[in-house]
Amino acid sequence: MSAKPVKALPIQFYPRLTKGRFNNWRVLMIIITQLIFFGLPWIHWQGQQAVWFDLARQQFFVFGMNFWPQDFIYLMALMMAGAFALFFWSTLSGRIWCGYACPQTVYSTIMLWIDRLTEGSHTQRAKLDAAPWSAEKVLRKSGKHALMLLFCFWTGFSFVGYFSPIRDMAGSLPTLSFGPIEWLWIFSYGSFTYVLAGLLREQVCKHMCPYARFQSAMFDQQTLVVAYDAVRGEPRGAQHKATAAQGDCVNCNICVQVCPVGIDIRQGLQYECIGCAACIDACDVVMDKIEKPRGLIRFTNEQNMQKPGAVGLSWQHLMRPRAALYGLAVVLVLGIASVSLMQRQPLKLDIARDRNILARETDRGWLENSYTLQLGNSSATEQHLELTVEGLPGVEIYSDEPVIALPAGSNRQITVRLEVAQSSGSVPIVFTAKSRNHPAWKVSAQSSFLALHGT
């Protein structure tokens, strides 16, 4: 789908807030995403923070499930599913992710609300910037940036709360006595939020975000986009000067004023368009006032735009082969990961041989091998484990603990000695650690039993 070049607007422009059904959806999405981001760290689950990435202990806790570095494959599956989901929605509806859920858009909208609260409407903000400095201007500007910085601090605080217990951090909040690492990340994340969403805003979407550049590879003639019906709208002009050939567009430019990236959708599809539909809401209000049908600017696709009078979209337009393949990929990746997760054993076992003494003869003439076992318990409860060895008839197991107590979410290293009356060469063996609490939970690892040279 081609994009038409347009005349660039000034770097500084003042988006106008609008109302309408799509704006209501945007507000709802902002509320949902921010409730998730700010609320998740405060939820407790089974006696600890529900979502906690404990980097110090190299463990990740997600609603009672513990993950270790070796479980990185689940993160990879989640990232793959997210990528395919993004491709799926991009194929169906263009940049709707950007317009409704992208953090840059969400935070920029919140900053715009702060603008409106402290400096007034878009025209009042423009007049304030153009006016000479005064006590009122200093007060309004200071108040605006103070609220922005406070919000950015809270985003940084909440972000760090995923990696450091947020309730412990909350106890340090009155005195701001956080640790140096916590302060570093609060400052870093908060600063990025302030610079990108508070200062740069739409410039990030237009010049820095790579998604706008490769979206054309995802689009086709049936991709849902925001479009202006030029057949119906042209030629433009004020209604009081309307002629028989007059189009429905009254050239009020409100669609440009409400656009968060400052483009004129009437000039055709542009890569800067984030699909937020603010221009649709604004145009619908104008059409209602002049008693014209809504839909002069609407969600449609290129195929419909080439058919005069075509408005509706069918499921056949939406569910087409490429979109279906992306959707199927999402389902498959999540399905496989979910099945694997349900079958995942919370017990871990790694074995290392004693390299200093491969084998030795005991006082009673038996052969002995020594092993170091690294045991892990990723469940939320303490486990009591029993060790068995297969593959070596008559073997005897010696350790300091016949039953190994392994606390929840912990690793332990123990030394185990195996003794056998006689053996020759290298014999493959299998260690198995089985939970007494949950007999179905067991984990095995292979090793070998070595004989003395010459035996």
Protein backbone atom coordinates (compact mmCIF):
# COMPACT_ATOMS: atom_id res chain seq x y z
CA MET A 1 0.00 0.00 0.00
CA SER A 2 1.65 3.23 -1.09
CA ALA A 3 2.06 6.26 1.17
CA LYS A 4 1.83 9.77 -0.16
CA PRO A 5 4.36 12.43 0.87
CA VAL A 6 2.92 15.35 2.77
CA LYS A 7 4.10 18.76 3.79
CA ALA A 8 5.79 18.56 7.17
CA LEU A 9 4.18 20.35 10.09
CA PRO A 10 6.27 22.48 12.46
CA ILE A 11 8.26 20.55 15.05
CA GLN A 12 6.19 22.13 17.84
CA PHE A 13 2.48 21.53 17.51
CA TYR A 14 -0.31 21.13 20.01
CA PRO A 15 -2.60 18.10 19.62
CA ARG A 16 -6.22 18.76 20.36
CA LEU A 17 -8.05 16.36 22.64
CA THR A 18 -11.14 14.74 21.18
CA LYS A 19 -14.08 12.64 22.32
CA GLY A 20 -15.77 9.68 20.71
CA ARG A 21 -16.07 5.92 20.62
CA PHE A 22 -12.47 5.28 19.55
CA ASN A 23 -11.16 7.70 22.16
CA ASN A 24 -13.14 5.75 24.76
CA TRP A 25 -11.41 2.57 23.63
CA ARG A 26 -8.01 4.28 23.87
CA VAL A 27 -8.77 5.48 27.40
CA LEU A 28 -9.91 1.98 28.36
CA MET A 29 -6.71 0.46 26.98
CA ILE A 30 -4.61 3.00 28.87
CA ILE A 31 -6.42 2.13 32.10
CA ILE A 32 -6.01 -1.63 31.53
CA THR A 33 -2.33 -1.50 30.56
CA GLN A 34 -1.42 0.80 33.44
CA LEU A 35 -3.38 -1.24 35.98
CA ILE A 36 -1.39 -4.27 34.85
CA PHE A 37 1.98 -2.51 34.86
CA PHE A 38 1.55 -0.64 38.14
CA GLY A 39 -0.58 -3.26 39.90
CA LEU A 40 1.15 -6.58 39.24
CA PRO A 41 4.13 -6.04 41.58
CA TRP A 42 1.77 -5.37 44.50
CA ILE A 43 -0.10 -8.67 44.19
CA HIS A 44 0.97 -11.36 46.66
CA TRP A 45 0.63 -15.03 45.78
CA GLN A 46 1.36 -17.92 48.13
CA GLY A 47 3.21 -15.70 50.55
CA GLN A 48 5.42 -13.81 48.13
CA GLN A 49 5.28 -11.27 45.32
CA ALA A 50 3.26 -12.76 42.47
CA VAL A 51 5.59 -11.52 39.71
CA TRP A 52 9.19 -11.14 40.80
CA PHE A 53 12.37 -11.43 38.76
CA ASP A 54 14.94 -12.18 41.45
CA LEU A 55 18.18 -11.59 39.57
CA ALA A 56 20.33 -12.04 42.68
CA ARG A 57 19.20 -15.66 43.08
CA GLN A 58 18.66 -16.15 39.33
CA GLN A 59 15.03 -17.10 39.84
CA PHE A 60 11.79 -15.78 38.39
CA PHE A 61 8.48 -16.15 40.22
CA VAL A 62 5.22 -15.90 38.28
CA PHE A 63 2.06 -16.67 40.28
CA GLY A 64 3.52 -19.57 42.22
CA MET A 65 5.67 -20.92 39.40
CA ASN A 66 9.44 -20.66 39.75
CA PHE A 67 11.65 -20.37 36.70
CA TRP A 68 15.40 -20.80 36.46
CA PRO A 69 17.88 -19.70 33.78
CA GLN A 70 17.54 -23.11 32.13
CA ASP A 71 13.84 -22.33 31.62
CA PHE A 72 14.76 -19.51 29.24
CA ILE A 73 13.00 -21.45 26.48
CA TYR A 74 9.64 -20.35 27.92
CA LEU A 75 10.66 -16.71 27.60
CA MET A 76 11.70 -17.42 24.02
CA ALA A 77 8.29 -18.98 23.36
CA LEU A 78 6.56 -15.95 24.85
CA MET A 79 8.62 -13.60 22.69
CA MET A 80 7.89 -15.67 19.57
CA ALA A 81 4.17 -15.68 20.35
CA GLY A 82 4.28 -11.92 20.90
CA ALA A 83 6.04 -11.37 17.58
CA PHE A 84 3.55 -13.53 15.67
CA ALA A 85 0.66 -11.81 17.47
CA LEU A 86 2.05 -8.45 16.38
CA PHE A 87 2.32 -9.70 12.79
CA PHE A 88 -1.24 -11.05 13.03
CA TRP A 89 -2.72 -7.76 14.21
CA SER A 90 -0.60 -5.75 11.78
CA THR A 91 -1.86 -7.83 8.87
CA LEU A 92 -5.46 -7.44 10.03
CA SER A 93 -5.54 -3.88 11.27
CA GLY A 94 -2.30 -2.08 10.52
CA ARG A 95 -0.75 -0.16 13.39
CA ILE A 96 -3.63 -0.54 15.82
CA TRP A 97 -1.12 -1.75 18.43
CA CYS A 98 0.67 1.59 18.14
CA GLY A 99 -2.51 3.57 18.53
CA TYR A 100 -3.97 1.74 21.52
CA ALA A 101 -1.39 -0.23 23.52
CA CYS A 102 2.18 0.84 22.66
CA PRO A 103 3.87 2.23 25.81
CA GLN A 104 5.15 5.23 23.85
CA THR A 105 1.62 6.15 22.76
CA VAL A 106 0.12 5.40 26.17
CA TYR A 107 2.65 7.52 28.06
CA SER A 108 2.52 10.31 25.48
CA THR A 109 -1.26 10.46 25.92
CA ILE A 110 -0.86 10.64 29.70
CA MET A 111 1.61 13.49 29.22
CA LEU A 112 -0.94 15.21 26.96
CA TRP A 113 -3.49 14.93 29.76
CA ILE A 114 -0.99 16.61 32.08
CA ASP A 115 -0.54 19.36 29.46
CA ARG A 116 -4.28 19.90 29.40
CA LEU A 117 -4.51 19.91 33.20
CA THR A 118 -1.75 22.48 33.75
CA GLU A 119 -1.75 24.63 30.60
CA GLY A 120 -5.24 24.31 29.18
CA SER A 121 -6.50 23.48 25.69
CA HIS A 122 -4.34 23.24 22.59
CA THR A 123 -4.91 26.91 21.73
CA GLN A 124 -4.15 27.99 25.29
CA ARG A 125 -0.91 26.00 25.24
CA ALA A 126 0.14 27.63 21.99
CA LYS A 127 -0.60 31.10 23.38
CA LEU A 128 1.28 30.33 26.59
CA ASP A 129 4.39 29.26 24.68
CA ALA A 130 4.23 32.36 22.49
CA ALA A 131 3.74 34.72 25.45
CA PRO A 132 6.70 36.36 27.22
CA TRP A 133 7.86 34.82 30.47
CA SER A 134 5.76 35.77 33.48
CA ALA A 135 4.99 34.45 36.94
CA GLU A 136 1.95 32.57 35.60
CA LYS A 137 3.96 31.01 32.78
CA VAL A 138 6.72 29.90 35.15
CA LEU A 139 4.13 28.46 37.54
CA ARG A 140 2.28 26.55 34.83
CA LYS A 141 5.45 25.23 33.18
CA SER A 142 6.95 24.24 36.53
CA GLY A 143 3.74 22.53 37.58
CA LYS A 144 3.55 20.61 34.30
CA HIS A 145 7.10 19.30 34.44
CA ALA A 146 6.79 18.55 38.16
CA LEU A 147 3.77 16.33 37.48
CA MET A 148 5.57 14.70 34.54
CA LEU A 149 8.65 13.98 36.66
CA LEU A 150 6.49 12.62 39.48
CA PHE A 151 4.73 10.28 37.06
CA CYS A 152 8.06 9.23 35.52
CA PHE A 153 9.50 8.55 38.97
CA TRP A 154 6.52 6.30 39.71
CA THR A 155 7.00 4.40 36.44
CA GLY A 156 10.66 3.85 37.34
CA PHE A 157 9.75 2.80 40.87
CA SER A 158 7.14 0.33 39.56
CA PHE A 159 9.57 -1.06 36.98
CA VAL A 160 12.22 -1.72 39.63
CA GLY A 161 9.47 -3.31 41.75
CA TYR A 162 9.48 -6.26 39.35
CA PHE A 163 13.12 -6.97 40.28
CA SER A 164 13.26 -5.89 43.92
CA PRO A 165 10.42 -6.61 46.40
CA ILE A 166 8.18 -3.60 45.93
CA ARG A 167 6.72 -3.68 49.43
CA ASP A 168 10.19 -3.45 50.90
CA MET A 169 10.89 -0.55 48.55
CA ALA A 170 7.66 1.11 49.63
CA GLY A 171 8.99 1.14 53.20
CA SER A 172 11.96 3.16 51.94
CA LEU A 173 9.76 5.51 49.92
CA PRO A 174 9.18 8.19 52.62
CA THR A 175 12.94 8.65 53.09
CA LEU A 176 13.92 7.70 49.51
CA SER A 177 16.55 5.41 51.02
CA PHE A 178 16.81 3.02 48.09
CA GLY A 179 20.00 1.15 47.25
CA PRO A 180 22.37 2.47 44.57
CA ILE A 181 21.29 -0.14 42.00
CA GLU A 182 17.63 0.60 42.64
CA TRP A 183 18.25 4.34 42.29
CA LEU A 184 20.17 3.75 39.05
CA TRP A 185 17.28 1.90 37.42
CA ILE A 186 14.57 4.17 38.81
CA PHE A 187 16.45 7.13 37.37
CA SER A 188 17.18 5.37 34.05
CA TYR A 189 13.65 4.13 33.39
CA GLY A 190 12.08 7.34 34.65
CA SER A 191 14.42 9.45 32.52
CA PHE A 192 13.63 7.45 29.40
CA THR A 193 9.93 7.90 30.07
CA TYR A 194 10.36 11.65 30.57
CA VAL A 195 12.51 12.19 27.48
CA LEU A 196 10.64 9.89 25.09
CA ALA A 197 7.03 10.48 26.21
CA GLY A 198 7.32 13.88 27.83
CA LEU A 199 9.65 15.73 25.47
CA LEU A 200 10.00 13.88 22.15
CA ARG A 201 6.52 12.32 21.99
CA GLU A 202 5.43 11.95 18.34
CA GLN A 203 9.02 12.34 17.13
CA VAL A 204 9.72 8.86 18.49
CA CYS A 205 6.94 7.37 16.36
CA LYS A 206 7.93 9.34 13.27
CA HIS A 207 11.71 9.09 13.35
CA MET A 208 12.93 6.52 15.89
CA CYS A 209 10.50 3.59 15.96
CA PRO A 210 11.46 0.89 13.41
CA TYR A 211 7.94 -0.57 13.35
CA ALA A 212 6.69 2.26 11.15
CA ARG A 213 9.39 1.43 8.62
CA PHE A 214 8.69 -2.27 8.15
CA GLN A 215 4.90 -2.11 8.45
CA SER A 216 4.58 -1.88 4.66
CA ALA A 217 5.85 -5.45 4.48
CA MET A 218 2.90 -6.53 6.62
CA PHE A 219 0.21 -4.58 4.75
CA ASP A 220 -1.84 -5.74 1.78
CA GLN A 221 -4.98 -4.48 0.03
CA GLN A 222 -7.21 -5.91 2.76
CA THR A 223 -5.37 -4.54 5.79
CA LEU A 224 -7.57 -2.32 7.93
CA VAL A 225 -6.33 1.29 7.93
CA VAL A 226 -7.63 4.76 8.73
CA ALA A 227 -8.56 6.39 5.41
CA TYR A 228 -10.27 9.48 4.05
CA ASP A 229 -12.98 8.99 1.43
CA ALA A 230 -11.76 11.45 -1.20
CA VAL A 231 -14.58 10.54 -3.62
CA ARG A 232 -17.13 11.67 -1.09
CA GLY A 233 -15.14 14.48 0.51
CA GLU A 234 -13.71 16.36 -2.48
CA PRO A 235 -13.80 19.13 -3.43
CA ARG A 236 -13.53 20.59 0.05
CA GLY A 237 -15.12 23.80 1.18
CA ALA A 238 -17.26 25.54 3.77
CA GLN A 239 -20.90 24.51 3.82
CA HIS A 240 -22.25 28.05 3.51
CA LYS A 241 -20.46 28.25 0.15
CA ALA A 242 -21.54 24.81 -0.95
CA THR A 243 -22.33 24.13 -4.59
CA ALA A 244 -23.79 21.12 -6.33
CA ALA A 245 -20.30 19.71 -6.80
CA GLN A 246 -19.28 20.40 -3.19
CA GLY A 247 -17.89 17.44 -1.23
CA ASP A 248 -18.74 16.60 2.36
CA CYS A 249 -15.39 17.76 3.77
CA VAL A 250 -15.80 21.29 5.16
CA ASN A 251 -12.02 21.76 5.40
CA CYS A 252 -12.20 22.48 9.14
CA ASN A 253 -8.79 20.79 9.70
CA ILE A 254 -9.90 19.37 13.05
CA CYS A 255 -8.75 15.94 11.86
CA VAL A 256 -5.23 17.40 11.64
CA GLN A 257 -5.50 19.19 14.98
CA VAL A 258 -6.38 16.01 16.90
CA CYS A 259 -3.75 13.79 15.24
CA PRO A 260 -1.10 12.90 17.84
CA VAL A 261 1.60 12.72 15.15
CA GLY A 262 0.43 15.80 13.26
CA ILE A 263 -0.40 14.36 9.84
CA ASP A 264 -3.25 15.17 7.47
CA ILE A 265 -5.03 11.89 6.74
CA ARG A 266 -6.73 13.55 3.74
CA GLN A 267 -3.40 13.44 1.92
CA GLY A 268 -3.51 9.64 1.89
CA LEU A 269 -2.00 6.86 3.97
CA GLN A 270 1.30 7.86 5.58
CA TYR A 271 3.77 5.74 7.48
CA GLU A 272 3.47 8.07 10.48
CA CYS A 273 -0.21 7.14 11.01
CA ILE A 274 -0.52 5.05 14.17
CA GLY A 275 -4.14 4.02 13.61
CA CYS A 276 -5.45 5.69 16.77
CA ALA A 277 -8.62 6.89 14.95
CA ALA A 278 -8.66 10.28 16.71
CA CYS A 279 -9.37 11.83 13.30
CA ILE A 280 -12.37 9.51 12.87
CA ASP A 281 -13.88 10.69 16.15
CA ALA A 282 -13.29 14.34 15.24
CA CYS A 283 -14.74 13.96 11.74
CA ASP A 284 -17.80 12.10 13.02
CA VAL A 285 -18.59 15.02 15.34
CA VAL A 286 -18.38 17.46 12.42
CA MET A 287 -20.52 15.23 10.19
CA ASP A 288 -23.16 15.06 12.93
CA LYS A 289 -23.21 18.85 13.16
CA ILE A 290 -23.70 19.36 9.42
CA GLU A 291 -26.14 16.43 9.25
CA LYS A 292 -24.03 14.31 6.93
CA PRO A 293 -23.45 10.57 7.26
CA ARG A 294 -20.53 9.47 9.39
CA GLY A 295 -17.62 7.66 7.79
CA LEU A 296 -15.94 10.38 5.73
CA ILE A 297 -12.85 9.23 7.61
CA ARG A 298 -13.14 5.62 8.70
CA PHE A 299 -11.46 2.29 9.16
CA THR A 300 -11.41 0.53 5.81
CA ASN A 301 -8.96 -1.13 3.43
CA GLU A 302 -7.43 -0.26 0.08
CA GLN A 303 -9.68 -2.71 -1.72
CA ASN A 304 -12.80 -0.95 -0.40
CA MET A 305 -11.37 2.50 -1.10
CA GLN A 306 -11.24 1.58 -4.79
CA LYS A 307 -14.97 0.78 -4.77
CA PRO A 308 -17.18 3.89 -4.61
CA GLY A 309 -19.70 3.62 -1.80
CA ALA A 310 -18.14 0.55 -0.19
CA VAL A 311 -18.18 0.91 3.60
CA GLY A 312 -18.56 -2.40 5.41
CA LEU A 313 -15.95 -5.09 5.97
CA SER A 314 -16.64 -8.82 6.02
CA TRP A 315 -14.89 -11.60 7.89
CA GLN A 316 -13.61 -12.80 4.52
CA HIS A 317 -11.65 -9.56 4.29
CA LEU A 318 -10.20 -10.05 7.76
CA MET A 319 -9.49 -13.78 7.98
CA ARG A 320 -7.32 -14.44 4.96
CA PRO A 321 -4.49 -16.97 4.53
CA ARG A 322 -1.56 -14.87 5.76
CA ALA A 323 -3.43 -13.61 8.82
CA ALA A 324 -4.66 -17.14 9.53
CA LEU A 325 -1.09 -18.48 9.37
CA TYR A 326 0.12 -15.87 11.84
CA GLY A 327 -2.80 -16.65 14.14
CA LEU A 328 -2.11 -20.38 13.86
CA ALA A 329 1.55 -19.76 14.73
CA VAL A 330 0.51 -17.90 17.89
CA VAL A 331 -1.80 -20.74 18.93
CA LEU A 332 0.82 -23.42 18.22
CA VAL A 333 3.64 -21.66 20.07
CA LEU A 334 1.47 -20.92 23.11
CA GLY A 335 -0.07 -24.40 23.00
CA ILE A 336 3.27 -26.21 22.89
CA ALA A 337 4.71 -23.97 25.61
CA SER A 338 1.63 -24.48 27.80
CA VAL A 339 1.74 -28.27 27.47
CA SER A 340 5.45 -28.25 28.23
CA LEU A 341 4.86 -25.99 31.21
CA MET A 342 2.15 -28.24 32.62
CA GLN A 343 4.45 -31.26 32.27
CA ARG A 344 7.47 -29.42 33.64
CA GLN A 345 9.07 -31.06 36.64
CA PRO A 346 9.88 -28.58 39.40
CA LEU A 347 12.93 -30.62 40.39
CA LYS A 348 16.36 -30.11 38.84
CA LEU A 349 19.38 -32.40 39.01
CA ASP A 350 22.90 -31.89 37.70
CA ILE A 351 25.83 -34.20 38.40
CA ALA A 352 29.55 -33.50 38.53
CA ARG A 353 32.15 -36.16 39.27
CA ASP A 354 35.00 -35.66 41.71
CA ARG A 355 37.84 -35.00 39.25
CA ASN A 356 40.56 -35.37 41.87
CA ILE A 357 39.76 -38.99 42.68
CA LEU A 358 37.98 -40.86 39.90
CA ALA A 359 37.78 -44.11 41.85
CA ARG A 360 39.28 -45.61 44.98
CA GLU A 361 39.24 -48.86 46.93
CA THR A 362 37.63 -48.82 50.37
CA ASP A 363 38.92 -50.61 53.48
CA ARG A 364 36.60 -53.51 52.80
CA GLY A 365 37.84 -53.88 49.23
CA TRP A 366 34.87 -52.29 47.47
CA LEU A 367 35.15 -49.72 44.68
CA GLU A 368 34.00 -46.18 45.48
CA ASN A 369 33.14 -43.21 43.23
CA SER A 370 32.29 -39.75 44.54
CA TYR A 371 29.77 -37.36 42.93
CA THR A 372 28.60 -33.81 43.55
CA LEU A 373 24.86 -33.41 42.97
CA GLN A 374 23.31 -30.01 42.33
CA LEU A 375 19.63 -30.21 43.27
CA GLY A 376 17.03 -27.54 42.60
CA ASN A 377 13.43 -27.12 43.72
CA SER A 378 11.42 -24.61 41.68
CA SER A 379 8.12 -25.37 43.43
CA ALA A 380 6.52 -23.15 46.05
CA THR A 381 6.84 -25.77 48.85
CA GLU A 382 9.69 -27.62 50.51
CA GLN A 383 10.41 -31.03 49.02
CA HIS A 384 11.94 -34.11 50.66
CA LEU A 385 13.89 -36.17 48.16
CA GLU A 386 15.13 -39.75 48.05
CA LEU A 387 18.02 -40.79 45.81
CA THR A 388 18.23 -44.02 43.83
CA VAL A 389 20.77 -45.30 41.31
CA GLU A 390 20.06 -47.61 38.37
CA GLY A 391 22.44 -49.48 36.10
CA LEU A 392 24.85 -50.84 38.71
CA PRO A 393 23.65 -54.01 40.50
CA GLY A 394 24.44 -54.17 44.20
CA VAL A 395 25.41 -50.52 44.49
CA GLU A 396 25.20 -48.82 47.89
CA ILE A 397 24.53 -45.09 48.28
CA TYR A 398 26.13 -43.03 51.05
CA SER A 399 25.36 -39.39 51.82
CA ASP A 400 25.04 -37.19 54.88
CA GLU A 401 21.25 -37.11 54.46
CA PRO A 402 19.26 -40.22 53.55
CA VAL A 403 16.32 -37.92 52.86
CA ILE A 404 17.32 -34.57 51.39
CA ALA A 405 15.30 -31.53 52.50
CA LEU A 406 15.11 -28.97 49.70
CA PRO A 407 13.39 -25.66 50.58
CA ALA A 408 11.05 -23.98 48.11
CA GLY A 409 12.80 -22.11 45.33
CA SER A 410 16.27 -23.19 46.39
CA ASN A 411 19.37 -24.99 45.15
CA ARG A 412 21.49 -27.37 47.18
CA GLN A 413 24.76 -29.09 46.54
CA ILE A 414 25.43 -32.44 48.20
CA THR A 415 28.14 -35.05 47.96
CA VAL A 416 27.18 -38.67 47.30
CA ARG A 417 29.41 -41.75 47.38
CA LEU A 418 28.61 -44.96 45.50
CA GLU A 419 30.19 -48.26 46.52
CA VAL A 420 30.01 -51.58 44.71
CA ALA A 421 31.68 -54.92 45.33
CA GLN A 422 33.26 -55.11 41.88
CA SER A 423 33.13 -53.36 38.53
CA SER A 424 35.11 -53.28 35.34
CA GLY A 425 35.59 -50.36 32.99
CA SER A 426 33.08 -47.54 32.82
CA VAL A 427 29.48 -48.41 33.65
CA PRO A 428 26.69 -45.95 32.70
CA ILE A 429 24.38 -45.21 35.61
CA VAL A 430 21.30 -43.07 36.21
CA PHE A 431 20.66 -41.01 39.35
CA THR A 432 17.02 -40.36 40.22
CA ALA A 433 15.74 -37.91 42.82
CA LYS A 434 12.12 -38.54 43.80
CA SER A 435 9.91 -36.36 45.98
CA ARG A 436 8.24 -37.92 48.98
CA ASN A 437 5.68 -35.08 49.01
CA HIS A 438 4.66 -35.65 45.39
CA PRO A 439 5.67 -39.14 44.18
CA ALA A 440 5.00 -38.11 40.57
CA TRP A 441 7.76 -35.52 40.81
CA LYS A 442 11.08 -37.05 39.97
CA VAL A 443 14.11 -36.10 37.95
CA SER A 444 16.95 -38.19 36.53
CA ALA A 445 20.46 -37.53 35.27
CA GLN A 446 23.05 -39.78 33.69
CA SER A 447 26.62 -40.34 34.81
CA SER A 448 29.08 -43.22 34.93
CA PHE A 449 30.80 -45.40 37.49
CA LEU A 450 34.52 -45.86 36.88
CA ALA A 451 36.64 -48.80 38.01
CA LEU A 452 40.28 -48.63 39.08
CA HIS A 453 42.84 -49.05 36.31
CA GLY A 454 43.67 -52.68 35.86
CA THR A 455 40.42 -54.01 37.37
